[in-house]
Amino acid sequence: MKLLRYGPVGQEKPGLLDDAGQVRDLSDHIADLAGSALSAASMARLAALDPADLPLVDGMPQQDLRLGPCVGRVGKFICIGLNYADHAAESGLAVPPEPVIFNKWTSAIVGPDDDVQIPRGSVKTDWEVELGVVIGTGGSYIDEADAMAHVAGFCVINDVSEREFQMERAGTWDKGKGCDTFGPTGPWLVTPDEVGDYDNLSMWCEVDGHRYQNGSTATMVYKVPHLIAYCSRFMSLQPGDVISTGTPPGVGMGCKPPVYLKGGEVMTLGIERLGTQTQRVLPAKG
């Protein structure tokens, strides 16, 4: 299944994408694509529905029908740093001996095609296409062998980052990662059965039509089951939590010379079988 949330900001409704690429409303079956609606039992009930029996929503998604973030009421937005061997190399940094965990604040989350706002004082705003993992069944101290049973689905995330805030302003990475609009999420929450081999998905990011990132989840150092098990040692994972699993090479910081967003650009990014995102970049407000 490809599940989604559609409608105006703050008023999104749950839906699914049918085989014709149109949205079917799920409001009679779940209140939102959030919390307990992401459990294995709930997802099984949704999978048993015939999309033809669901109300058809006017408009085409990502054209004249806005999509919101594909998960509602996210509790934790967990991110993994330097998790692609080739990205670590372009950053001039060693592959970490354990996963690097940091956070994006949930106030950063926006729809897949919503505008990205450069924050005031930014000089190094950057892009990062990432595979997102959405937790459906919570737990602590999860065994790696059982980890995928806790996954509701996968999605595309743009881990927008302000590198000067992140690396040159003292403290942790978080201050450069969680600015408002820095977490476009979606378009769809794609269930694992439809994704298939999540360890070998092509992924890419373009800015104004120039392809900067062109990678694959195959170069991920710490794989999805390990990340779920690892994170659950330090915090309980709960339904609707999102883990953004790192980015391949080609970020602006890694270019020679570096390339950063100033405002006016259009970012387009996607992951095989998970869909695409398009965001206009707005210049910093005075």
C-alpha atoms as a PDB file:
ATOM      1  CA  MET A   1       0.000   0.000   0.000  1.00  0.00           C
ATOM      2  CA  LYS A   2       0.885   3.617  -0.515  1.00  0.00           C
ATOM      3  CA  LEU A   3      -0.716   5.558   2.322  1.00  0.00           C
ATOM      4  CA  LEU A   4      -0.811   9.332   2.537  1.00  0.00           C
ATOM      5  CA  ARG A   5      -2.316  12.402   4.155  1.00  0.00           C
ATOM      6  CA  TYR A   6      -3.953  15.059   1.990  1.00  0.00           C
ATOM      7  CA  GLY A   7      -5.521  18.473   2.380  1.00  0.00           C
ATOM      8  CA  PRO A   8      -4.687  21.908   3.796  1.00  0.00           C
ATOM      9  CA  VAL A   9      -1.951  22.371   6.390  1.00  0.00           C
ATOM     10  CA  GLY A  10      -3.194  21.210   9.777  1.00  0.00           C
ATOM     11  CA  GLN A  11      -6.371  19.689   8.303  1.00  0.00           C
ATOM     12  CA  GLU A  12      -4.930  16.646   6.555  1.00  0.00           C
ATOM     13  CA  LYS A  13      -7.064  13.539   6.117  1.00  0.00           C
ATOM     14  CA  PRO A  14      -5.850   9.951   5.690  1.00  0.00           C
ATOM     15  CA  GLY A  15      -5.921   8.340   2.285  1.00  0.00           C
ATOM     16  CA  LEU A  16      -4.343   5.770   0.036  1.00  0.00           C
ATOM     17  CA  LEU A  17      -3.120   5.869  -3.519  1.00  0.00           C
ATOM     18  CA  ASP A  18      -4.999   3.558  -5.859  1.00  0.00           C
ATOM     19  CA  ASP A  19      -3.596   1.811  -8.925  1.00  0.00           C
ATOM     20  CA  ALA A  20      -4.741   4.699 -11.133  1.00  0.00           C
ATOM     21  CA  GLY A  21      -2.710   7.202  -9.124  1.00  0.00           C
ATOM     22  CA  GLN A  22      -5.738   8.784  -7.486  1.00  0.00           C
ATOM     23  CA  VAL A  23      -6.397   9.294  -3.802  1.00  0.00           C
ATOM     24  CA  ARG A  24      -9.047   7.317  -1.915  1.00  0.00           C
ATOM     25  CA  ASP A  25     -10.270   8.638   1.411  1.00  0.00           C
ATOM     26  CA  LEU A  26      -9.732   6.512   4.546  1.00  0.00           C
ATOM     27  CA  SER A  27     -11.529   8.760   7.025  1.00  0.00           C
ATOM     28  CA  ASP A  28     -14.266   6.186   7.652  1.00  0.00           C
ATOM     29  CA  HIS A  29     -11.633   3.677   8.756  1.00  0.00           C
ATOM     30  CA  ILE A  30      -8.957   5.664  10.624  1.00  0.00           C
ATOM     31  CA  ALA A  31      -8.936   9.170  12.071  1.00  0.00           C
ATOM     32  CA  ASP A  32      -5.394   9.856  10.876  1.00  0.00           C
ATOM     33  CA  LEU A  33      -2.332   8.041   9.651  1.00  0.00           C
ATOM     34  CA  ALA A  34      -0.817   8.253  13.109  1.00  0.00           C
ATOM     35  CA  GLY A  35      -0.409   6.400  16.386  1.00  0.00           C
ATOM     36  CA  SER A  36      -2.332   3.148  16.704  1.00  0.00           C
ATOM     37  CA  ALA A  37      -3.486   3.386  13.069  1.00  0.00           C
ATOM     38  CA  LEU A  38       0.071   2.356  12.173  1.00  0.00           C
ATOM     39  CA  SER A  39      -0.046  -0.899  14.143  1.00  0.00           C
ATOM     40  CA  ALA A  40       0.289  -4.219  12.359  1.00  0.00           C
ATOM     41  CA  ALA A  41      -3.369  -5.062  13.021  1.00  0.00           C
ATOM     42  CA  SER A  42      -4.573  -1.713  11.704  1.00  0.00           C
ATOM     43  CA  MET A  43      -2.386  -1.942   8.613  1.00  0.00           C
ATOM     44  CA  ALA A  44      -3.718  -5.422   7.912  1.00  0.00           C
ATOM     45  CA  ARG A  45      -7.287  -4.090   8.073  1.00  0.00           C
ATOM     46  CA  LEU A  46      -6.437  -1.301   5.640  1.00  0.00           C
ATOM     47  CA  ALA A  47      -4.745  -3.742   3.278  1.00  0.00           C
ATOM     48  CA  ALA A  48      -7.916  -5.833   3.185  1.00  0.00           C
ATOM     49  CA  LEU A  49     -10.000  -2.901   1.897  1.00  0.00           C
ATOM     50  CA  ASP A  50     -10.929  -2.661  -1.770  1.00  0.00           C
ATOM     51  CA  PRO A  51      -9.797   0.810  -2.906  1.00  0.00           C
ATOM     52  CA  ALA A  52     -12.716   0.910  -5.373  1.00  0.00           C
ATOM     53  CA  ASP A  53     -15.093   0.931  -2.388  1.00  0.00           C
ATOM     54  CA  LEU A  54     -13.471   4.011  -0.860  1.00  0.00           C
ATOM     55  CA  PRO A  55     -14.532   7.582  -1.672  1.00  0.00           C
ATOM     56  CA  LEU A  56     -12.562   9.118  -4.525  1.00  0.00           C
ATOM     57  CA  VAL A  57     -10.870  12.411  -3.637  1.00  0.00           C
ATOM     58  CA  ASP A  58     -11.002  15.230  -6.187  1.00  0.00           C
ATOM     59  CA  GLY A  59      -7.705  16.260  -7.732  1.00  0.00           C
ATOM     60  CA  MET A  60      -4.417  14.587  -8.516  1.00  0.00           C
ATOM     61  CA  PRO A  61      -1.835  14.251  -5.750  1.00  0.00           C
ATOM     62  CA  GLN A  62       1.178  16.514  -6.062  1.00  0.00           C
ATOM     63  CA  GLN A  63      -0.588  18.466  -8.798  1.00  0.00           C
ATOM     64  CA  ASP A  64      -3.788  20.156  -7.670  1.00  0.00           C
ATOM     65  CA  LEU A  65      -4.143  18.154  -4.452  1.00  0.00           C
ATOM     66  CA  ARG A  66      -1.717  19.017  -1.672  1.00  0.00           C
ATOM     67  CA  LEU A  67      -0.143  16.174   0.261  1.00  0.00           C
ATOM     68  CA  GLY A  68       0.828  16.643   3.881  1.00  0.00           C
ATOM     69  CA  PRO A  69       3.545  14.742   5.725  1.00  0.00           C
ATOM     70  CA  CYS A  70       2.744  11.055   5.275  1.00  0.00           C
ATOM     71  CA  VAL A  71       2.691  10.490   9.060  1.00  0.00           C
ATOM     72  CA  GLY A  72       0.737  12.533  11.574  1.00  0.00           C
ATOM     73  CA  ARG A  73       1.542  13.411  15.180  1.00  0.00           C
ATOM     74  CA  VAL A  74       5.167  12.271  14.951  1.00  0.00           C
ATOM     75  CA  GLY A  75       6.553  11.845  18.444  1.00  0.00           C
ATOM     76  CA  LYS A  76      10.267  11.579  17.654  1.00  0.00           C
ATOM     77  CA  PHE A  77      12.166  12.503  14.496  1.00  0.00           C
ATOM     78  CA  ILE A  78      15.383  10.524  14.911  1.00  0.00           C
ATOM     79  CA  CYS A  79      18.245  10.950  12.460  1.00  0.00           C
ATOM     80  CA  ILE A  80      21.381   8.955  11.755  1.00  0.00           C
ATOM     81  CA  GLY A  81      24.570  10.734  10.694  1.00  0.00           C
ATOM     82  CA  LEU A  82      27.413   9.595   8.447  1.00  0.00           C
ATOM     83  CA  ASN A  83      25.650   6.328   7.661  1.00  0.00           C
ATOM     84  CA  TYR A  84      26.783   6.021   4.028  1.00  0.00           C
ATOM     85  CA  ALA A  85      30.408   5.071   3.489  1.00  0.00           C
ATOM     86  CA  ASP A  86      30.699   7.239   0.382  1.00  0.00           C
ATOM     87  CA  HIS A  87      29.129  10.258   2.108  1.00  0.00           C
ATOM     88  CA  ALA A  88      31.510   9.932   5.064  1.00  0.00           C
ATOM     89  CA  ALA A  89      34.385   9.893   2.567  1.00  0.00           C
ATOM     90  CA  GLU A  90      33.229  13.088   0.812  1.00  0.00           C
ATOM     91  CA  SER A  91      32.893  14.753   4.231  1.00  0.00           C
ATOM     92  CA  GLY A  92      36.463  13.775   5.085  1.00  0.00           C
ATOM     93  CA  LEU A  93      35.267  11.877   8.143  1.00  0.00           C
ATOM     94  CA  ALA A  94      35.747   8.302   9.282  1.00  0.00           C
ATOM     95  CA  VAL A  95      32.826   5.897   9.350  1.00  0.00           C
ATOM     96  CA  PRO A  96      31.669   6.020  12.988  1.00  0.00           C
ATOM     97  CA  PRO A  97      32.180   2.885  15.107  1.00  0.00           C
ATOM     98  CA  GLU A  98      28.516   3.088  16.166  1.00  0.00           C
ATOM     99  CA  PRO A  99      25.543   4.903  14.618  1.00  0.00           C
ATOM    100  CA  VAL A 100      25.517   8.654  15.196  1.00  0.00           C
ATOM    101  CA  ILE A 101      22.106   9.718  16.527  1.00  0.00           C
ATOM    102  CA  PHE A 102      20.747  13.259  16.441  1.00  0.00           C
ATOM    103  CA  ASN A 103      17.293  14.824  16.259  1.00  0.00           C
ATOM    104  CA  LYS A 104      15.200  16.965  14.004  1.00  0.00           C
ATOM    105  CA  TRP A 105      12.456  18.752  15.893  1.00  0.00           C
ATOM    106  CA  THR A 106       8.951  17.728  14.885  1.00  0.00           C
ATOM    107  CA  SER A 107       8.170  21.377  14.077  1.00  0.00           C
ATOM    108  CA  ALA A 108      10.474  20.918  11.062  1.00  0.00           C
ATOM    109  CA  ILE A 109       8.079  18.441   9.438  1.00  0.00           C
ATOM    110  CA  VAL A 110       6.240  19.639   6.319  1.00  0.00           C
ATOM    111  CA  GLY A 111       4.622  18.052   3.307  1.00  0.00           C
ATOM    112  CA  PRO A 112       6.727  16.626   0.484  1.00  0.00           C
ATOM    113  CA  ASP A 113       6.130  19.562  -1.834  1.00  0.00           C
ATOM    114  CA  ASP A 114       5.822  22.391   0.678  1.00  0.00           C
ATOM    115  CA  ASP A 115       8.231  25.312   0.519  1.00  0.00           C
ATOM    116  CA  VAL A 116      11.530  25.166   2.399  1.00  0.00           C
ATOM    117  CA  GLN A 117      12.333  28.385   4.239  1.00  0.00           C
ATOM    118  CA  ILE A 118      15.973  29.371   4.666  1.00  0.00           C
ATOM    119  CA  PRO A 119      16.356  30.523   8.281  1.00  0.00           C
ATOM    120  CA  ARG A 120      17.464  34.006   9.223  1.00  0.00           C
ATOM    121  CA  GLY A 121      21.253  34.258   9.350  1.00  0.00           C
ATOM    122  CA  SER A 122      21.834  31.140   7.271  1.00  0.00           C
ATOM    123  CA  VAL A 123      24.893  30.973   5.052  1.00  0.00           C
ATOM    124  CA  LYS A 124      25.156  27.208   4.445  1.00  0.00           C
ATOM    125  CA  THR A 125      21.730  25.613   3.903  1.00  0.00           C
ATOM    126  CA  ASP A 126      22.108  22.174   2.296  1.00  0.00           C
ATOM    127  CA  TRP A 127      20.073  19.201   1.061  1.00  0.00           C
ATOM    128  CA  GLU A 128      20.103  15.471   1.937  1.00  0.00           C
ATOM    129  CA  VAL A 129      17.847  12.819   0.382  1.00  0.00           C
ATOM    130  CA  GLU A 130      17.225  10.081   2.960  1.00  0.00           C
ATOM    131  CA  LEU A 131      15.286   6.866   3.470  1.00  0.00           C
ATOM    132  CA  GLY A 132      12.770   7.307   6.272  1.00  0.00           C
ATOM    133  CA  VAL A 133      11.574   4.401   8.421  1.00  0.00           C
ATOM    134  CA  VAL A 134       8.245   4.794  10.226  1.00  0.00           C
ATOM    135  CA  ILE A 135       7.644   2.792  13.378  1.00  0.00           C
ATOM    136  CA  GLY A 136       4.283   1.021  13.573  1.00  0.00           C
ATOM    137  CA  THR A 137       4.754  -1.122  16.671  1.00  0.00           C
ATOM    138  CA  GLY A 138       6.693   0.357  19.539  1.00  0.00           C
ATOM    139  CA  GLY A 139       9.200  -1.250  21.854  1.00  0.00           C
ATOM    140  CA  SER A 140      12.426  -1.030  23.812  1.00  0.00           C
ATOM    141  CA  TYR A 141      15.535  -3.201  23.507  1.00  0.00           C
ATOM    142  CA  ILE A 142      14.250  -4.625  20.237  1.00  0.00           C
ATOM    143  CA  ASP A 143      16.166  -7.599  18.877  1.00  0.00           C
ATOM    144  CA  GLU A 144      17.657  -6.931  15.470  1.00  0.00           C
ATOM    145  CA  ALA A 145      16.097 -10.153  14.172  1.00  0.00           C
ATOM    146  CA  ASP A 146      12.644  -8.841  15.117  1.00  0.00           C
ATOM    147  CA  ALA A 147      13.164  -5.238  14.070  1.00  0.00           C
ATOM    148  CA  MET A 148      11.270  -5.266  10.782  1.00  0.00           C
ATOM    149  CA  ALA A 149       8.114  -6.417  12.564  1.00  0.00           C
ATOM    150  CA  HIS A 150       8.103  -2.948  14.149  1.00  0.00           C
ATOM    151  CA  VAL A 151       8.080  -1.087  10.801  1.00  0.00           C
ATOM    152  CA  ALA A 152       4.865   0.362   9.351  1.00  0.00           C
ATOM    153  CA  GLY A 153       6.546   1.578   6.186  1.00  0.00           C
ATOM    154  CA  PHE A 154       9.160   3.655   4.406  1.00  0.00           C
ATOM    155  CA  CYS A 155       9.175   7.173   2.956  1.00  0.00           C
ATOM    156  CA  VAL A 156      11.349   9.861   1.395  1.00  0.00           C
ATOM    157  CA  ILE A 157      12.815  12.544   3.652  1.00  0.00           C
ATOM    158  CA  ASN A 158      14.803  15.648   2.765  1.00  0.00           C
ATOM    159  CA  ASP A 159      17.070  16.208   5.763  1.00  0.00           C
ATOM    160  CA  VAL A 160      17.578  19.892   5.041  1.00  0.00           C
ATOM    161  CA  SER A 161      20.575  21.101   7.051  1.00  0.00           C
ATOM    162  CA  GLU A 162      22.220  24.404   7.883  1.00  0.00           C
ATOM    163  CA  ARG A 163      25.896  23.462   8.055  1.00  0.00           C
ATOM    164  CA  GLU A 164      27.184  26.566   9.821  1.00  0.00           C
ATOM    165  CA  PHE A 165      24.554  26.179  12.555  1.00  0.00           C
ATOM    166  CA  GLN A 166      25.300  22.446  12.676  1.00  0.00           C
ATOM    167  CA  MET A 167      29.093  22.431  12.774  1.00  0.00           C
ATOM    168  CA  GLU A 168      30.421  25.874  13.582  1.00  0.00           C
ATOM    169  CA  ARG A 169      28.153  27.220  16.300  1.00  0.00           C
ATOM    170  CA  ALA A 170      29.202  24.926  19.196  1.00  0.00           C
ATOM    171  CA  GLY A 171      27.162  22.186  20.785  1.00  0.00           C
ATOM    172  CA  THR A 172      25.419  19.357  18.973  1.00  0.00           C
ATOM    173  CA  TRP A 173      24.301  18.987  15.361  1.00  0.00           C
ATOM    174  CA  ASP A 174      20.653  19.512  16.300  1.00  0.00           C
ATOM    175  CA  LYS A 175      20.578  23.304  15.979  1.00  0.00           C
ATOM    176  CA  GLY A 176      21.373  23.051  12.262  1.00  0.00           C
ATOM    177  CA  LYS A 177      18.902  20.255  11.579  1.00  0.00           C
ATOM    178  CA  GLY A 178      15.563  21.201  13.079  1.00  0.00           C
ATOM    179  CA  CYS A 179      14.752  24.628  11.649  1.00  0.00           C
ATOM    180  CA  ASP A 180      11.160  25.091  10.520  1.00  0.00           C
ATOM    181  CA  THR A 181      10.449  23.382   7.141  1.00  0.00           C
ATOM    182  CA  PHE A 182      13.707  21.359   7.338  1.00  0.00           C
ATOM    183  CA  GLY A 183      11.890  18.002   7.273  1.00  0.00           C
ATOM    184  CA  PRO A 184       9.815  17.409   4.123  1.00  0.00           C
ATOM    185  CA  THR A 185       8.332  13.914   4.548  1.00  0.00           C
ATOM    186  CA  GLY A 186       6.448  11.810   1.996  1.00  0.00           C
ATOM    187  CA  PRO A 187       4.738  11.736  -0.467  1.00  0.00           C
ATOM    188  CA  TRP A 188       3.631   8.251   0.585  1.00  0.00           C
ATOM    189  CA  LEU A 189       4.128   5.865   3.455  1.00  0.00           C
ATOM    190  CA  VAL A 190       4.908   2.704   1.501  1.00  0.00           C
ATOM    191  CA  THR A 191       4.428  -0.616   3.276  1.00  0.00           C
ATOM    192  CA  PRO A 192       7.389  -3.018   3.401  1.00  0.00           C
ATOM    193  CA  ASP A 193       5.711  -5.622   1.187  1.00  0.00           C
ATOM    194  CA  GLU A 194       5.500  -3.080  -1.621  1.00  0.00           C
ATOM    195  CA  VAL A 195       9.018  -1.706  -1.115  1.00  0.00           C
ATOM    196  CA  GLY A 196      10.734  -5.074  -1.309  1.00  0.00           C
ATOM    197  CA  ASP A 197      14.531  -4.882  -1.052  1.00  0.00           C
ATOM    198  CA  TYR A 198      14.984  -1.716   0.985  1.00  0.00           C
ATOM    199  CA  ASP A 199      18.749  -2.383   1.031  1.00  0.00           C
ATOM    200  CA  ASN A 200      19.076  -1.671  -2.694  1.00  0.00           C
ATOM    201  CA  LEU A 201      16.983   1.386  -3.562  1.00  0.00           C
ATOM    202  CA  SER A 202      18.319   4.078  -5.879  1.00  0.00           C
ATOM    203  CA  MET A 203      18.020   7.612  -4.541  1.00  0.00           C
ATOM    204  CA  TRP A 204      18.747  11.038  -5.981  1.00  0.00           C
ATOM    205  CA  CYS A 205      18.478  14.781  -5.460  1.00  0.00           C
ATOM    206  CA  GLU A 206      18.551  17.619  -7.985  1.00  0.00           C
ATOM    207  CA  VAL A 207      18.733  21.374  -7.483  1.00  0.00           C
ATOM    208  CA  ASP A 208      17.466  23.465 -10.406  1.00  0.00           C
ATOM    209  CA  GLY A 209      17.727  20.396 -12.621  1.00  0.00           C
ATOM    210  CA  HIS A 210      21.345  19.594 -11.750  1.00  0.00           C
ATOM    211  CA  ARG A 211      21.738  16.156 -10.202  1.00  0.00           C
ATOM    212  CA  TYR A 212      23.969  16.389  -7.147  1.00  0.00           C
ATOM    213  CA  GLN A 213      23.073  13.163  -5.354  1.00  0.00           C
ATOM    214  CA  ASN A 214      22.846   9.862  -7.183  1.00  0.00           C
ATOM    215  CA  GLY A 215      23.228   6.999  -4.719  1.00  0.00           C
ATOM    216  CA  SER A 216      21.779   3.836  -3.317  1.00  0.00           C
ATOM    217  CA  THR A 217      20.769   2.457   0.049  1.00  0.00           C
ATOM    218  CA  ALA A 218      23.230  -0.347  -0.770  1.00  0.00           C
ATOM    219  CA  THR A 219      26.081   1.814   0.582  1.00  0.00           C
ATOM    220  CA  MET A 220      24.373   2.307   3.948  1.00  0.00           C
ATOM    221  CA  VAL A 221      26.801   1.298   6.706  1.00  0.00           C
ATOM    222  CA  TYR A 222      24.337   0.416   9.465  1.00  0.00           C
ATOM    223  CA  LYS A 223      21.269  -1.229   7.943  1.00  0.00           C
ATOM    224  CA  VAL A 224      17.646  -0.589   8.911  1.00  0.00           C
ATOM    225  CA  PRO A 225      17.165  -3.525  11.350  1.00  0.00           C
ATOM    226  CA  HIS A 226      20.375  -2.614  13.162  1.00  0.00           C
ATOM    227  CA  LEU A 227      19.348   1.044  13.432  1.00  0.00           C
ATOM    228  CA  ILE A 228      15.961   0.147  14.912  1.00  0.00           C
ATOM    229  CA  ALA A 229      17.528  -2.207  17.458  1.00  0.00           C
ATOM    230  CA  TYR A 230      20.286   0.294  18.266  1.00  0.00           C
ATOM    231  CA  CYS A 231      17.990   3.289  18.764  1.00  0.00           C
ATOM    232  CA  SER A 232      15.670   1.235  20.963  1.00  0.00           C
ATOM    233  CA  ARG A 233      18.512   0.761  23.467  1.00  0.00           C
ATOM    234  CA  PHE A 234      18.502   4.469  24.239  1.00  0.00           C
ATOM    235  CA  MET A 235      14.798   5.345  23.975  1.00  0.00           C
ATOM    236  CA  SER A 236      11.516   3.553  23.592  1.00  0.00           C
ATOM    237  CA  LEU A 237      10.289   3.604  20.018  1.00  0.00           C
ATOM    238  CA  GLN A 238       6.638   4.421  19.624  1.00  0.00           C
ATOM    239  CA  PRO A 239       4.098   4.258  16.782  1.00  0.00           C
ATOM    240  CA  GLY A 240       4.663   7.154  14.435  1.00  0.00           C
ATOM    241  CA  ASP A 241       8.294   7.741  15.335  1.00  0.00           C
ATOM    242  CA  VAL A 242      10.416   8.394  12.258  1.00  0.00           C
ATOM    243  CA  ILE A 243      14.040   7.327  11.758  1.00  0.00           C
ATOM    244  CA  SER A 244      15.855   9.123   8.936  1.00  0.00           C
ATOM    245  CA  THR A 245      18.697   6.817   8.035  1.00  0.00           C
ATOM    246  CA  GLY A 246      21.405   8.979   6.446  1.00  0.00           C
ATOM    247  CA  THR A 247      22.311  10.308   3.023  1.00  0.00           C
ATOM    248  CA  PRO A 248      24.526   9.247   0.100  1.00  0.00           C
ATOM    249  CA  PRO A 249      27.226  11.556  -1.340  1.00  0.00           C
ATOM    250  CA  GLY A 250      26.503  14.684  -3.318  1.00  0.00           C
ATOM    251  CA  VAL A 251      25.442  17.138  -0.629  1.00  0.00           C
ATOM    252  CA  GLY A 252      26.310  20.776  -1.181  1.00  0.00           C
ATOM    253  CA  MET A 253      28.904  20.744   1.580  1.00  0.00           C
ATOM    254  CA  GLY A 254      30.823  18.045  -0.280  1.00  0.00           C
ATOM    255  CA  CYS A 255      31.059  19.941  -3.572  1.00  0.00           C
ATOM    256  CA  LYS A 256      34.316  21.627  -4.526  1.00  0.00           C
ATOM    257  CA  PRO A 257      33.748  24.470  -3.996  1.00  0.00           C
ATOM    258  CA  PRO A 258      30.736  23.935  -1.693  1.00  0.00           C
ATOM    259  CA  VAL A 259      27.294  24.836  -3.049  1.00  0.00           C
ATOM    260  CA  TYR A 260      24.584  26.108  -0.711  1.00  0.00           C
ATOM    261  CA  LEU A 261      20.982  27.187  -1.109  1.00  0.00           C
ATOM    262  CA  LYS A 262      20.313  30.926  -1.198  1.00  0.00           C
ATOM    263  CA  GLY A 263      16.628  31.049  -2.083  1.00  0.00           C
ATOM    264  CA  GLY A 264      14.844  30.802  -5.395  1.00  0.00           C
ATOM    265  CA  GLU A 265      16.034  27.266  -6.167  1.00  0.00           C
ATOM    266  CA  VAL A 266      13.851  24.195  -6.692  1.00  0.00           C
ATOM    267  CA  MET A 267      14.881  20.922  -5.067  1.00  0.00           C
ATOM    268  CA  THR A 268      13.626  17.657  -6.563  1.00  0.00           C
ATOM    269  CA  LEU A 269      14.451  14.360  -4.904  1.00  0.00           C
ATOM    270  CA  GLY A 270      13.237  10.802  -4.774  1.00  0.00           C
ATOM    271  CA  ILE A 271      13.826   7.187  -3.869  1.00  0.00           C
ATOM    272  CA  GLU A 272      13.002   4.186  -6.020  1.00  0.00           C
ATOM    273  CA  ARG A 273       9.478   2.878  -5.289  1.00  0.00           C
ATOM    274  CA  LEU A 274       8.900   5.583  -2.661  1.00  0.00           C
ATOM    275  CA  GLY A 275       8.037   8.577  -4.825  1.00  0.00           C
ATOM    276  CA  THR A 276       9.415  12.072  -5.323  1.00  0.00           C
ATOM    277  CA  GLN A 277       9.380  15.443  -3.609  1.00  0.00           C
ATOM    278  CA  THR A 278       9.655  18.975  -5.044  1.00  0.00           C
ATOM    279  CA  GLN A 279      10.304  22.038  -2.897  1.00  0.00           C
ATOM    280  CA  ARG A 280      10.774  25.694  -3.702  1.00  0.00           C
ATOM    281  CA  VAL A 281      13.437  27.308  -1.554  1.00  0.00           C
ATOM    282  CA  LEU A 282      12.416  30.629  -0.053  1.00  0.00           C
ATOM    283  CA  PRO A 283      15.088  33.179   0.874  1.00  0.00           C
ATOM    284  CA  ALA A 284      15.559  34.086   4.507  1.00  0.00           C
ATOM    285  CA  LYS A 285      13.145  36.652   5.839  1.00  0.00           C
ATOM    286  CA  GLY A 286      14.640  39.923   6.928  1.00  0.00           C
END
